[in-house]
Amino acid sequence: MKWDNLKLGLFIGLFAPFAGVFTFYLWKFRHVLTFPEFIQYLGLERHLITGVISISLVVNAAFFTYFINTDKDHTAKGIFFVTIVYVAAALVLKYIYS
């Protein structure tokens, strides 16, 4: 597999934030809610969604930094593009739910 690949960057950028959401759940809510209950709670407490998205994008930032530092620029471009889409979605959600 070629590691300097735009499609790989798009894939990582798309799915890495889910690991961030799960990590946030483990950090804050695992003793209180199951993961499905946590997702339902986010649906009820919509003001938390933008914060969770923002925290989950830290995972993308870590991957982006790694691929930039290892000169895998095409992969980093894919991660960056998806991150911009996530940030735009977070801003829209912030505007809608505040």
C-alpha atoms as a PDB file:
ATOM      1  CA  MET A   1       0.000   0.000   0.000  1.00  0.00           C
ATOM      2  CA  LYS A   2       1.262   3.436  -0.881  1.00  0.00           C
ATOM      3  CA  TRP A   3       1.156   5.624   2.242  1.00  0.00           C
ATOM      4  CA  ASP A   4       1.286   8.945   0.361  1.00  0.00           C
ATOM      5  CA  ASN A   5      -2.215   8.638  -1.043  1.00  0.00           C
ATOM      6  CA  LEU A   6      -5.096  11.127  -1.151  1.00  0.00           C
ATOM      7  CA  LYS A   7      -7.718   8.380  -0.738  1.00  0.00           C
ATOM      8  CA  LEU A   8      -5.983   7.110   2.381  1.00  0.00           C
ATOM      9  CA  GLY A   9      -5.979  10.639   3.792  1.00  0.00           C
ATOM     10  CA  LEU A  10      -9.699  11.021   3.065  1.00  0.00           C
ATOM     11  CA  PHE A  11     -10.379   7.672   4.762  1.00  0.00           C
ATOM     12  CA  ILE A  12      -8.318   8.534   7.836  1.00  0.00           C
ATOM     13  CA  GLY A  13      -9.787  12.020   8.014  1.00  0.00           C
ATOM     14  CA  LEU A  14     -13.303  10.662   7.796  1.00  0.00           C
ATOM     15  CA  PHE A  15     -13.047   7.889  10.389  1.00  0.00           C
ATOM     16  CA  ALA A  16     -10.397   9.071  12.887  1.00  0.00           C
ATOM     17  CA  PRO A  17     -12.803  11.542  14.572  1.00  0.00           C
ATOM     18  CA  PHE A  18     -15.011   8.604  15.551  1.00  0.00           C
ATOM     19  CA  ALA A  19     -12.102   7.336  17.639  1.00  0.00           C
ATOM     20  CA  GLY A  20     -11.989  10.790  19.206  1.00  0.00           C
ATOM     21  CA  VAL A  21     -15.705  10.662  20.025  1.00  0.00           C
ATOM     22  CA  PHE A  22     -15.268   7.227  21.582  1.00  0.00           C
ATOM     23  CA  THR A  23     -12.278   8.441  23.596  1.00  0.00           C
ATOM     24  CA  PHE A  24     -14.315  11.405  24.839  1.00  0.00           C
ATOM     25  CA  TYR A  25     -17.085   8.998  25.859  1.00  0.00           C
ATOM     26  CA  LEU A  26     -14.593   6.820  27.769  1.00  0.00           C
ATOM     27  CA  TRP A  27     -13.080   9.871  29.451  1.00  0.00           C
ATOM     28  CA  LYS A  28     -16.298  11.588  30.570  1.00  0.00           C
ATOM     29  CA  PHE A  29     -19.309   9.265  30.391  1.00  0.00           C
ATOM     30  CA  ARG A  30     -18.330   5.582  30.590  1.00  0.00           C
ATOM     31  CA  HIS A  31     -19.296   5.288  34.272  1.00  0.00           C
ATOM     32  CA  VAL A  32     -22.641   6.982  33.716  1.00  0.00           C
ATOM     33  CA  LEU A  33     -23.914   5.901  30.281  1.00  0.00           C
ATOM     34  CA  THR A  34     -23.448   3.102  27.798  1.00  0.00           C
ATOM     35  CA  PHE A  35     -22.126   4.206  24.415  1.00  0.00           C
ATOM     36  CA  PRO A  36     -25.568   4.001  22.708  1.00  0.00           C
ATOM     37  CA  GLU A  37     -27.037   6.018  25.602  1.00  0.00           C
ATOM     38  CA  PHE A  38     -24.240   8.561  25.155  1.00  0.00           C
ATOM     39  CA  ILE A  39     -25.145   8.973  21.475  1.00  0.00           C
ATOM     40  CA  GLN A  40     -28.807   9.447  22.445  1.00  0.00           C
ATOM     41  CA  TYR A  41     -27.748  11.950  25.114  1.00  0.00           C
ATOM     42  CA  LEU A  42     -25.911  13.962  22.461  1.00  0.00           C
ATOM     43  CA  GLY A  43     -29.157  14.013  20.488  1.00  0.00           C
ATOM     44  CA  LEU A  44     -30.981  15.453  23.500  1.00  0.00           C
ATOM     45  CA  GLU A  45     -28.250  17.834  24.644  1.00  0.00           C
ATOM     46  CA  ARG A  46     -27.388  19.233  21.235  1.00  0.00           C
ATOM     47  CA  HIS A  47     -25.242  22.021  22.622  1.00  0.00           C
ATOM     48  CA  LEU A  48     -22.631  19.350  23.424  1.00  0.00           C
ATOM     49  CA  ILE A  49     -22.299  18.231  19.791  1.00  0.00           C
ATOM     50  CA  THR A  50     -19.982  21.037  18.699  1.00  0.00           C
ATOM     51  CA  GLY A  51     -17.706  20.456  21.670  1.00  0.00           C
ATOM     52  CA  VAL A  52     -17.535  16.737  20.967  1.00  0.00           C
ATOM     53  CA  ILE A  53     -16.793  17.397  17.283  1.00  0.00           C
ATOM     54  CA  SER A  54     -14.079  19.867  18.201  1.00  0.00           C
ATOM     55  CA  ILE A  55     -12.422  17.440  20.602  1.00  0.00           C
ATOM     56  CA  SER A  56     -12.673  14.588  18.116  1.00  0.00           C
ATOM     57  CA  LEU A  57     -10.869  16.657  15.478  1.00  0.00           C
ATOM     58  CA  VAL A  58      -7.775  16.642  17.675  1.00  0.00           C
ATOM     59  CA  VAL A  59      -7.281  13.072  16.431  1.00  0.00           C
ATOM     60  CA  ASN A  60      -7.272  14.391  12.851  1.00  0.00           C
ATOM     61  CA  ALA A  61      -4.757  17.046  13.839  1.00  0.00           C
ATOM     62  CA  ALA A  62      -2.454  14.352  15.233  1.00  0.00           C
ATOM     63  CA  PHE A  63      -2.679  12.288  12.040  1.00  0.00           C
ATOM     64  CA  PHE A  64      -2.221  15.406   9.895  1.00  0.00           C
ATOM     65  CA  THR A  65       0.896  16.385  11.841  1.00  0.00           C
ATOM     66  CA  TYR A  66       2.328  12.884  11.534  1.00  0.00           C
ATOM     67  CA  PHE A  67       1.832  12.709   7.773  1.00  0.00           C
ATOM     68  CA  ILE A  68       3.177  16.233   7.203  1.00  0.00           C
ATOM     69  CA  ASN A  69       6.281  15.465   9.276  1.00  0.00           C
ATOM     70  CA  THR A  70       6.893  12.232   7.346  1.00  0.00           C
ATOM     71  CA  ASP A  71       6.521  14.004   3.971  1.00  0.00           C
ATOM     72  CA  LYS A  72       3.317  12.181   3.047  1.00  0.00           C
ATOM     73  CA  ASP A  73       1.751  15.340   1.640  1.00  0.00           C
ATOM     74  CA  HIS A  74      -1.031  13.704  -0.403  1.00  0.00           C
ATOM     75  CA  THR A  75      -2.304  11.830   2.640  1.00  0.00           C
ATOM     76  CA  ALA A  76      -2.075  15.009   4.718  1.00  0.00           C
ATOM     77  CA  LYS A  77      -4.103  16.887   2.063  1.00  0.00           C
ATOM     78  CA  GLY A  78      -6.898  14.320   2.337  1.00  0.00           C
ATOM     79  CA  ILE A  79      -6.962  14.591   6.117  1.00  0.00           C
ATOM     80  CA  PHE A  80      -6.916  18.393   5.906  1.00  0.00           C
ATOM     81  CA  PHE A  81      -9.807  18.472   3.411  1.00  0.00           C
ATOM     82  CA  VAL A  82     -12.036  16.253   5.555  1.00  0.00           C
ATOM     83  CA  THR A  83     -11.093  18.246   8.655  1.00  0.00           C
ATOM     84  CA  ILE A  84     -12.237  21.467   6.960  1.00  0.00           C
ATOM     85  CA  VAL A  85     -15.570  19.791   6.151  1.00  0.00           C
ATOM     86  CA  TYR A  86     -15.945  18.687   9.789  1.00  0.00           C
ATOM     87  CA  VAL A  87     -15.094  22.191  11.038  1.00  0.00           C
ATOM     88  CA  ALA A  88     -17.682  23.724   8.694  1.00  0.00           C
ATOM     89  CA  ALA A  89     -20.269  21.232   9.962  1.00  0.00           C
ATOM     90  CA  ALA A  90     -19.392  22.091  13.575  1.00  0.00           C
ATOM     91  CA  LEU A  91     -19.823  25.789  12.870  1.00  0.00           C
ATOM     92  CA  VAL A  92     -23.183  25.224  11.189  1.00  0.00           C
ATOM     93  CA  LEU A  93     -24.352  23.062  14.100  1.00  0.00           C
ATOM     94  CA  LYS A  94     -23.138  25.683  16.571  1.00  0.00           C
ATOM     95  CA  TYR A  95     -25.144  28.333  14.730  1.00  0.00           C
ATOM     96  CA  ILE A  96     -28.270  26.145  14.537  1.00  0.00           C
ATOM     97  CA  TYR A  97     -28.243  24.908  18.149  1.00  0.00           C
ATOM     98  CA  SER A  98     -27.220  28.084  19.957  1.00  0.00           C
END
